[in-house]
Amino acid sequence: MSDDGGVTIRLDHAEALVLGDFLHRHIDLQDGDQLKPAVKHIGELWALNGLNCLLERELAEPFLPDYGDRVSKALALLVERNGNWPK
């Protein structure tokens, strides 16, 4: 397997903010403990950690005083746009 230098993934800002918050909670604050049962291989946690690091470099919101409100609005926007998750 060769490393071709990476891939480009485009997320809208709401998606990036929600994913960044989720990954920060589960990777940084809980050391991935709640995610471990969901992964098949520890490499998946490292991949999620890599995504977390990329989002941390791109997002300014975690440093703003209204961060929680911004995440709440982004969550609501995603549900409004996409509807409830199918059962």
PDB file of N, CA and C in Angstrom:
ATOM      1  N   MET A   1       0.848  -1.175   0.000  1.00  0.00           N
ATOM      2  CA  MET A   1       0.000   0.000   0.000  1.00  0.00           C
ATOM      3  C   MET A   1       0.892   1.237   0.000  1.00  0.00           C
ATOM      4  N   SER A   2       0.636   2.114  -0.923  1.00  0.00           N
ATOM      5  CA  SER A   2       1.443   3.332  -0.993  1.00  0.00           C
ATOM      6  C   SER A   2       0.640   4.532  -0.518  1.00  0.00           C
ATOM      7  N   ASP A   3       1.333   5.478   0.060  1.00  0.00           N
ATOM      8  CA  ASP A   3       0.713   6.718   0.508  1.00  0.00           C
ATOM      9  C   ASP A   3       0.838   7.732  -0.614  1.00  0.00           C
ATOM     10  N   ASP A   4      -0.301   8.128  -1.173  1.00  0.00           N
ATOM     11  CA  ASP A   4      -0.265   9.059  -2.296  1.00  0.00           C
ATOM     12  C   ASP A   4      -0.350  10.517  -1.842  1.00  0.00           C
ATOM     13  N   GLY A   5      -0.196  10.775  -0.567  1.00  0.00           N
ATOM     14  CA  GLY A   5      -0.223  12.153  -0.090  1.00  0.00           C
ATOM     15  C   GLY A   5      -1.539  12.585   0.490  1.00  0.00           C
ATOM     16  N   GLY A   6      -2.544  11.750   0.504  1.00  0.00           N
ATOM     17  CA  GLY A   6      -3.794  12.102   1.153  1.00  0.00           C
ATOM     18  C   GLY A   6      -4.966  12.214   0.210  1.00  0.00           C
ATOM     19  N   VAL A   7      -6.099  12.528   0.801  1.00  0.00           N
ATOM     20  CA  VAL A   7      -7.345  12.723   0.068  1.00  0.00           C
ATOM     21  C   VAL A   7      -7.972  14.035   0.539  1.00  0.00           C
ATOM     22  N   THR A   8      -8.852  14.549  -0.264  1.00  0.00           N
ATOM     23  CA  THR A   8      -9.578  15.764   0.095  1.00  0.00           C
ATOM     24  C   THR A   8     -11.014  15.384   0.406  1.00  0.00           C
ATOM     25  N   ILE A   9     -11.500  15.835   1.547  1.00  0.00           N
ATOM     26  CA  ILE A   9     -12.883  15.613   1.957  1.00  0.00           C
ATOM     27  C   ILE A   9     -13.496  16.979   2.217  1.00  0.00           C
ATOM     28  N   ARG A  10     -14.658  17.218   1.640  1.00  0.00           N
ATOM     29  CA  ARG A  10     -15.335  18.496   1.862  1.00  0.00           C
ATOM     30  C   ARG A  10     -16.523  18.286   2.792  1.00  0.00           C
ATOM     31  N   LEU A  11     -16.542  19.047   3.867  1.00  0.00           N
ATOM     32  CA  LEU A  11     -17.659  19.065   4.801  1.00  0.00           C
ATOM     33  C   LEU A  11     -18.187  20.479   4.856  1.00  0.00           C
ATOM     34  N   ASP A  12     -19.491  20.631   5.050  1.00  0.00           N
ATOM     35  CA  ASP A  12     -19.939  21.990   5.300  1.00  0.00           C
ATOM     36  C   ASP A  12     -19.587  22.332   6.748  1.00  0.00           C
ATOM     37  N   HIS A  13     -19.724  23.593   7.092  1.00  0.00           N
ATOM     38  CA  HIS A  13     -19.242  24.041   8.397  1.00  0.00           C
ATOM     39  C   HIS A  13     -19.989  23.369   9.552  1.00  0.00           C
ATOM     40  N   ALA A  14     -21.289  23.180   9.410  1.00  0.00           N
ATOM     41  CA  ALA A  14     -22.070  22.527  10.465  1.00  0.00           C
ATOM     42  C   ALA A  14     -21.577  21.094  10.682  1.00  0.00           C
ATOM     43  N   GLU A  15     -21.345  20.373   9.602  1.00  0.00           N
ATOM     44  CA  GLU A  15     -20.844  18.998   9.720  1.00  0.00           C
ATOM     45  C   GLU A  15     -19.479  18.974  10.405  1.00  0.00           C
ATOM     46  N   ALA A  16     -18.596  19.875  10.001  1.00  0.00           N
ATOM     47  CA  ALA A  16     -17.254  19.923  10.594  1.00  0.00           C
ATOM     48  C   ALA A  16     -17.321  20.257  12.075  1.00  0.00           C
ATOM     49  N   LEU A  17     -18.179  21.195  12.444  1.00  0.00           N
ATOM     50  CA  LEU A  17     -18.292  21.586  13.842  1.00  0.00           C
ATOM     51  C   LEU A  17     -18.842  20.447  14.699  1.00  0.00           C
ATOM     52  N   VAL A  18     -19.873  19.779  14.204  1.00  0.00           N
ATOM     53  CA  VAL A  18     -20.468  18.661  14.951  1.00  0.00           C
ATOM     54  C   VAL A  18     -19.485  17.504  15.056  1.00  0.00           C
ATOM     55  N   LEU A  19     -18.820  17.153  13.963  1.00  0.00           N
ATOM     56  CA  LEU A  19     -17.826  16.078  14.011  1.00  0.00           C
ATOM     57  C   LEU A  19     -16.663  16.437  14.933  1.00  0.00           C
ATOM     58  N   GLY A  20     -16.214  17.673  14.865  1.00  0.00           N
ATOM     59  CA  GLY A  20     -15.128  18.110  15.736  1.00  0.00           C
ATOM     60  C   GLY A  20     -15.502  18.000  17.201  1.00  0.00           C
ATOM     61  N   ASP A  21     -16.717  18.410  17.538  1.00  0.00           N
ATOM     62  CA  ASP A  21     -17.178  18.313  18.925  1.00  0.00           C
ATOM     63  C   ASP A  21     -17.275  16.855  19.369  1.00  0.00           C
ATOM     64  N   PHE A  22     -17.874  16.019  18.515  1.00  0.00           N
ATOM     65  CA  PHE A  22     -18.014  14.596  18.823  1.00  0.00           C
ATOM     66  C   PHE A  22     -16.654  13.930  19.043  1.00  0.00           C
ATOM     67  N   LEU A  23     -15.743  14.160  18.109  1.00  0.00           N
ATOM     68  CA  LEU A  23     -14.427  13.523  18.209  1.00  0.00           C
ATOM     69  C   LEU A  23     -13.635  14.061  19.396  1.00  0.00           C
ATOM     70  N   HIS A  24     -13.746  15.343  19.677  1.00  0.00           N
ATOM     71  CA  HIS A  24     -13.064  15.900  20.850  1.00  0.00           C
ATOM     72  C   HIS A  24     -13.556  15.213  22.124  1.00  0.00           C
ATOM     73  N   ARG A  25     -14.876  15.080  22.254  1.00  0.00           N
ATOM     74  CA  ARG A  25     -15.437  14.418  23.443  1.00  0.00           C
ATOM     75  C   ARG A  25     -14.955  12.984  23.569  1.00  0.00           C
ATOM     76  N   HIS A  26     -15.002  12.253  22.469  1.00  0.00           N
ATOM     77  CA  HIS A  26     -14.725  10.813  22.539  1.00  0.00           C
ATOM     78  C   HIS A  26     -13.245  10.456  22.432  1.00  0.00           C
ATOM     79  N   ILE A  27     -12.470  11.246  21.711  1.00  0.00           N
ATOM     80  CA  ILE A  27     -11.049  10.947  21.546  1.00  0.00           C
ATOM     81  C   ILE A  27     -10.216  11.655  22.614  1.00  0.00           C
ATOM     82  N   ASP A  28     -10.374  12.970  22.718  1.00  0.00           N
ATOM     83  CA  ASP A  28      -9.543  13.744  23.648  1.00  0.00           C
ATOM     84  C   ASP A  28      -9.954  13.552  25.105  1.00  0.00           C
ATOM     85  N   LEU A  29     -11.245  13.651  25.382  1.00  0.00           N
ATOM     86  CA  LEU A  29     -11.699  13.648  26.770  1.00  0.00           C
ATOM     87  C   LEU A  29     -11.884  12.252  27.345  1.00  0.00           C
ATOM     88  N   GLN A  30     -12.213  11.270  26.504  1.00  0.00           N
ATOM     89  CA  GLN A  30     -12.485   9.918  26.998  1.00  0.00           C
ATOM     90  C   GLN A  30     -11.507   8.879  26.465  1.00  0.00           C
ATOM     91  N   ASP A  31     -10.459   9.340  25.806  1.00  0.00           N
ATOM     92  CA  ASP A  31      -9.411   8.458  25.283  1.00  0.00           C
ATOM     93  C   ASP A  31      -9.966   7.348  24.384  1.00  0.00           C
ATOM     94  N   GLY A  32     -11.092   7.632  23.723  1.00  0.00           N
ATOM     95  CA  GLY A  32     -11.674   6.658  22.800  1.00  0.00           C
ATOM     96  C   GLY A  32     -12.367   5.486  23.460  1.00  0.00           C
ATOM     97  N   ASP A  33     -12.507   5.505  24.790  1.00  0.00           N
ATOM     98  CA  ASP A  33     -13.055   4.346  25.502  1.00  0.00           C
ATOM     99  C   ASP A  33     -14.450   3.945  25.025  1.00  0.00           C
ATOM    100  N   GLN A  34     -15.331   4.909  24.785  1.00  0.00           N
ATOM    101  CA  GLN A  34     -16.683   4.567  24.336  1.00  0.00           C
ATOM    102  C   GLN A  34     -16.720   4.160  22.869  1.00  0.00           C
ATOM    103  N   LEU A  35     -15.696   4.511  22.115  1.00  0.00           N
ATOM    104  CA  LEU A  35     -15.654   4.130  20.702  1.00  0.00           C
ATOM    105  C   LEU A  35     -15.056   2.746  20.496  1.00  0.00           C
ATOM    106  N   LYS A  36     -14.260   2.278  21.439  1.00  0.00           N
ATOM    107  CA  LYS A  36     -13.565   0.990  21.266  1.00  0.00           C
ATOM    108  C   LYS A  36     -14.501  -0.166  20.938  1.00  0.00           C
ATOM    109  N   PRO A  37     -15.690  -0.264  21.569  1.00  0.00           N
ATOM    110  CA  PRO A  37     -16.580  -1.372  21.199  1.00  0.00           C
ATOM    111  C   PRO A  37     -17.122  -1.280  19.770  1.00  0.00           C
ATOM    112  N   ALA A  38     -17.096  -0.085  19.180  1.00  0.00           N
ATOM    113  CA  ALA A  38     -17.667   0.100  17.842  1.00  0.00           C
ATOM    114  C   ALA A  38     -16.663  -0.142  16.722  1.00  0.00           C
ATOM    115  N   VAL A  39     -15.371  -0.203  17.028  1.00  0.00           N
ATOM    116  CA  VAL A  39     -14.367  -0.369  15.975  1.00  0.00           C
ATOM    117  C   VAL A  39     -13.956  -1.831  15.850  1.00  0.00           C
ATOM    118  N   LYS A  40     -13.541  -2.196  14.648  1.00  0.00           N
ATOM    119  CA  LYS A  40     -13.070  -3.558  14.400  1.00  0.00           C
ATOM    120  C   LYS A  40     -11.571  -3.675  14.618  1.00  0.00           C
ATOM    121  N   HIS A  41     -10.871  -2.553  14.489  1.00  0.00           N
ATOM    122  CA  HIS A  41      -9.412  -2.561  14.581  1.00  0.00           C
ATOM    123  C   HIS A  41      -8.956  -1.244  15.183  1.00  0.00           C
ATOM    124  N   ILE A  42      -7.915  -1.277  15.984  1.00  0.00           N
ATOM    125  CA  ILE A  42      -7.412  -0.079  16.654  1.00  0.00           C
ATOM    126  C   ILE A  42      -6.983   0.992  15.647  1.00  0.00           C
ATOM    127  N   GLY A  43      -6.646   0.568  14.429  1.00  0.00           N
ATOM    128  CA  GLY A  43      -6.305   1.527  13.381  1.00  0.00           C
ATOM    129  C   GLY A  43      -7.458   2.474  13.072  1.00  0.00           C
ATOM    130  N   GLU A  44      -8.688   2.017  13.276  1.00  0.00           N
ATOM    131  CA  GLU A  44      -9.843   2.894  13.062  1.00  0.00           C
ATOM    132  C   GLU A  44      -9.850   4.047  14.061  1.00  0.00           C
ATOM    133  N   LEU A  45      -9.448   3.759  15.295  1.00  0.00           N
ATOM    134  CA  LEU A  45      -9.340   4.840  16.291  1.00  0.00           C
ATOM    135  C   LEU A  45      -8.267   5.838  15.890  1.00  0.00           C
ATOM    136  N   TRP A  46      -7.161   5.336  15.362  1.00  0.00           N
ATOM    137  CA  TRP A  46      -6.104   6.250  14.910  1.00  0.00           C
ATOM    138  C   TRP A  46      -6.580   7.102  13.737  1.00  0.00           C
ATOM    139  N   ALA A  47      -7.389   6.524  12.852  1.00  0.00           N
ATOM    140  CA  ALA A  47      -7.934   7.301  11.744  1.00  0.00           C
ATOM    141  C   ALA A  47      -8.880   8.385  12.257  1.00  0.00           C
ATOM    142  N   LEU A  48      -9.718   8.034  13.228  1.00  0.00           N
ATOM    143  CA  LEU A  48     -10.609   9.032  13.829  1.00  0.00           C
ATOM    144  C   LEU A  48      -9.814  10.115  14.545  1.00  0.00           C
ATOM    145  N   ASN A  49      -8.738   9.725  15.195  1.00  0.00           N
ATOM    146  CA  ASN A  49      -7.877  10.704  15.850  1.00  0.00           C
ATOM    147  C   ASN A  49      -7.255  11.655  14.820  1.00  0.00           C
ATOM    148  N   GLY A  50      -6.861  11.123  13.677  1.00  0.00           N
ATOM    149  CA  GLY A  50      -6.313  11.971  12.627  1.00  0.00           C
ATOM    150  C   GLY A  50      -7.333  12.989  12.139  1.00  0.00           C
ATOM    151  N   LEU A  51      -8.586  12.545  11.961  1.00  0.00           N
ATOM    152  CA  LEU A  51      -9.649  13.457  11.561  1.00  0.00           C
ATOM    153  C   LEU A  51      -9.873  14.504  12.647  1.00  0.00           C
ATOM    154  N   ASN A  52      -9.853  14.085  13.892  1.00  0.00           N
ATOM    155  CA  ASN A  52      -9.996  15.003  15.024  1.00  0.00           C
ATOM    156  C   ASN A  52      -8.906  16.079  14.979  1.00  0.00           C
ATOM    157  N   CYS A  53      -7.686  15.688  14.750  1.00  0.00           N
ATOM    158  CA  CYS A  53      -6.575  16.645  14.698  1.00  0.00           C
ATOM    159  C   CYS A  53      -6.747  17.636  13.552  1.00  0.00           C
ATOM    160  N   LEU A  54      -7.195  17.155  12.393  1.00  0.00           N
ATOM    161  CA  LEU A  54      -7.435  18.050  11.255  1.00  0.00           C
ATOM    162  C   LEU A  54      -8.521  19.068  11.575  1.00  0.00           C
ATOM    163  N   LEU A  55      -9.600  18.608  12.188  1.00  0.00           N
ATOM    164  CA  LEU A  55     -10.691  19.514  12.524  1.00  0.00           C
ATOM    165  C   LEU A  55     -10.265  20.530  13.585  1.00  0.00           C
ATOM    166  N   GLU A  56      -9.456  20.090  14.536  1.00  0.00           N
ATOM    167  CA  GLU A  56      -8.963  21.018  15.561  1.00  0.00           C
ATOM    168  C   GLU A  56      -8.157  22.154  14.944  1.00  0.00           C
ATOM    169  N   ARG A  57      -7.433  21.863  13.884  1.00  0.00           N
ATOM    170  CA  ARG A  57      -6.634  22.903  13.225  1.00  0.00           C
ATOM    171  C   ARG A  57      -7.496  23.855  12.402  1.00  0.00           C
ATOM    172  N   GLU A  58      -8.650  23.395  11.949  1.00  0.00           N
ATOM    173  CA  GLU A  58      -9.488  24.190  11.048  1.00  0.00           C
ATOM    174  C   GLU A  58     -10.565  25.010  11.750  1.00  0.00           C
ATOM    175  N   LEU A  59     -11.022  24.566  12.898  1.00  0.00           N
ATOM    176  CA  LEU A  59     -12.165  25.206  13.546  1.00  0.00           C
ATOM    177  C   LEU A  59     -11.728  26.219  14.594  1.00  0.00           C
ATOM    178  N   ALA A  60     -12.306  27.390  14.534  1.00  0.00           N
ATOM    179  CA  ALA A  60     -12.037  28.428  15.532  1.00  0.00           C
ATOM    180  C   ALA A  60     -13.065  28.399  16.666  1.00  0.00           C
ATOM    181  N   GLU A  61     -14.235  27.837  16.422  1.00  0.00           N
ATOM    182  CA  GLU A  61     -15.333  27.876  17.387  1.00  0.00           C
ATOM    183  C   GLU A  61     -15.007  27.329  18.768  1.00  0.00           C
ATOM    184  N   PRO A  62     -14.203  26.267  18.895  1.00  0.00           N
ATOM    185  CA  PRO A  62     -13.933  25.760  20.247  1.00  0.00           C
ATOM    186  C   PRO A  62     -13.305  26.799  21.186  1.00  0.00           C
ATOM    187  N   PHE A  63     -12.768  27.867  20.629  1.00  0.00           N
ATOM    188  CA  PHE A  63     -12.122  28.899  21.442  1.00  0.00           C
ATOM    189  C   PHE A  63     -13.036  30.087  21.719  1.00  0.00           C
ATOM    190  N   LEU A  64     -14.254  30.024  21.224  1.00  0.00           N
ATOM    191  CA  LEU A  64     -15.185  31.127  21.399  1.00  0.00           C
ATOM    192  C   LEU A  64     -16.084  30.890  22.605  1.00  0.00           C
ATOM    193  N   PRO A  65     -16.512  31.951  23.280  1.00  0.00           N
ATOM    194  CA  PRO A  65     -17.318  31.779  24.496  1.00  0.00           C
ATOM    195  C   PRO A  65     -18.687  31.152  24.248  1.00  0.00           C
ATOM    196  N   ASP A  66     -19.223  31.267  23.042  1.00  0.00           N
ATOM    197  CA  ASP A  66     -20.543  30.697  22.746  1.00  0.00           C
ATOM    198  C   ASP A  66     -20.440  29.369  21.982  1.00  0.00           C
ATOM    199  N   TYR A  67     -19.357  28.659  22.215  1.00  0.00           N
ATOM    200  CA  TYR A  67     -19.106  27.400  21.506  1.00  0.00           C
ATOM    201  C   TYR A  67     -20.274  26.424  21.626  1.00  0.00           C
ATOM    202  N   GLY A  68     -20.775  26.220  22.829  1.00  0.00           N
ATOM    203  CA  GLY A  68     -21.882  25.281  23.032  1.00  0.00           C
ATOM    204  C   GLY A  68     -23.112  25.662  22.229  1.00  0.00           C
ATOM    205  N   ASP A  69     -23.418  26.944  22.184  1.00  0.00           N
ATOM    206  CA  ASP A  69     -24.560  27.413  21.396  1.00  0.00           C
ATOM    207  C   ASP A  69     -24.336  27.153  19.911  1.00  0.00           C
ATOM    208  N   ARG A  70     -23.125  27.357  19.453  1.00  0.00           N
ATOM    209  CA  ARG A  70     -22.819  27.143  18.037  1.00  0.00           C
ATOM    210  C   ARG A  70     -22.958  25.667  17.659  1.00  0.00           C
ATOM    211  N   VAL A  71     -22.516  24.779  18.554  1.00  0.00           N
ATOM    212  CA  VAL A  71     -22.664  23.341  18.299  1.00  0.00           C
ATOM    213  C   VAL A  71     -24.142  22.971  18.284  1.00  0.00           C
ATOM    214  N   SER A  72     -24.907  23.496  19.238  1.00  0.00           N
ATOM    215  CA  SER A  72     -26.350  23.217  19.276  1.00  0.00           C
ATOM    216  C   SER A  72     -27.038  23.664  17.997  1.00  0.00           C
ATOM    217  N   LYS A  73     -26.695  24.840  17.495  1.00  0.00           N
ATOM    218  CA  LYS A  73     -27.287  25.339  16.252  1.00  0.00           C
ATOM    219  C   LYS A  73     -26.879  24.467  15.066  1.00  0.00           C
ATOM    220  N   ALA A  74     -25.628  24.025  15.041  1.00  0.00           N
ATOM    221  CA  ALA A  74     -25.160  23.162  13.955  1.00  0.00           C
ATOM    222  C   ALA A  74     -25.892  21.815  13.986  1.00  0.00           C
ATOM    223  N   LEU A  75     -26.093  21.263  15.180  1.00  0.00           N
ATOM    224  CA  LEU A  75     -26.838  20.006  15.311  1.00  0.00           C
ATOM    225  C   LEU A  75     -28.266  20.172  14.788  1.00  0.00           C
ATOM    226  N   ALA A  76     -28.920  21.249  15.207  1.00  0.00           N
ATOM    227  CA  ALA A  76     -30.293  21.505  14.766  1.00  0.00           C
ATOM    228  C   ALA A  76     -30.359  21.693  13.253  1.00  0.00           C
ATOM    229  N   LEU A  77     -29.385  22.383  12.691  1.00  0.00           N
ATOM    230  CA  LEU A  77     -29.350  22.600  11.251  1.00  0.00           C
ATOM    231  C   LEU A  77     -29.231  21.281  10.492  1.00  0.00           C
ATOM    232  N   LEU A  78     -28.378  20.395  10.972  1.00  0.00           N
ATOM    233  CA  LEU A  78     -28.206  19.103  10.299  1.00  0.00           C
ATOM    234  C   LEU A  78     -29.486  18.277  10.335  1.00  0.00           C
ATOM    235  N   VAL A  79     -30.184  18.293  11.472  1.00  0.00           N
ATOM    236  CA  VAL A  79     -31.442  17.555  11.574  1.00  0.00           C
ATOM    237  C   VAL A  79     -32.507  18.213  10.700  1.00  0.00           C
ATOM    238  N   GLU A  80     -32.562  19.541  10.705  1.00  0.00           N
ATOM    239  CA  GLU A  80     -33.518  20.257   9.863  1.00  0.00           C
ATOM    240  C   GLU A  80     -33.289  19.937   8.394  1.00  0.00           C
ATOM    241  N   ARG A  81     -32.050  19.904   8.002  1.00  0.00           N
ATOM    242  CA  ARG A  81     -31.699  19.657   6.597  1.00  0.00           C
ATOM    243  C   ARG A  81     -31.936  18.205   6.183  1.00  0.00           C
ATOM    244  N   ASN A  82     -31.659  17.282   7.091  1.00  0.00           N
ATOM    245  CA  ASN A  82     -31.674  15.864   6.723  1.00  0.00           C
ATOM    246  C   ASN A  82     -32.813  15.048   7.310  1.00  0.00           C
ATOM    247  N   GLY A  83     -33.494  15.575   8.326  1.00  0.00           N
ATOM    248  CA  GLY A  83     -34.559  14.832   8.998  1.00  0.00           C
ATOM    249  C   GLY A  83     -34.008  13.927  10.077  1.00  0.00           C
ATOM    250  N   ASN A  84     -34.922  13.195  10.696  1.00  0.00           N
ATOM    251  CA  ASN A  84     -34.515  12.257  11.736  1.00  0.00           C
ATOM    252  C   ASN A  84     -33.767  11.082  11.130  1.00  0.00           C
ATOM    253  N   TRP A  85     -32.912  10.471  11.934  1.00  0.00           N
ATOM    254  CA  TRP A  85     -32.177   9.294  11.472  1.00  0.00           C
ATOM    255  C   TRP A  85     -33.145   8.129  11.326  1.00  0.00           C
ATOM    256  N   PRO A  86     -33.062   7.383  10.223  1.00  0.00           N
ATOM    257  CA  PRO A  86     -33.977   6.248  10.033  1.00  0.00           C
ATOM    258  C   PRO A  86     -33.808   5.197  11.121  1.00  0.00           C
ATOM    259  N   LYS A  87     -34.901   4.555  11.462  1.00  0.00           N
ATOM    260  CA  LYS A  87     -34.875   3.494  12.479  1.00  0.00           C
ATOM    261  C   LYS A  87     -34.453   2.189  11.864  1.00  0.00           C
TER     262      LYS A  87
END
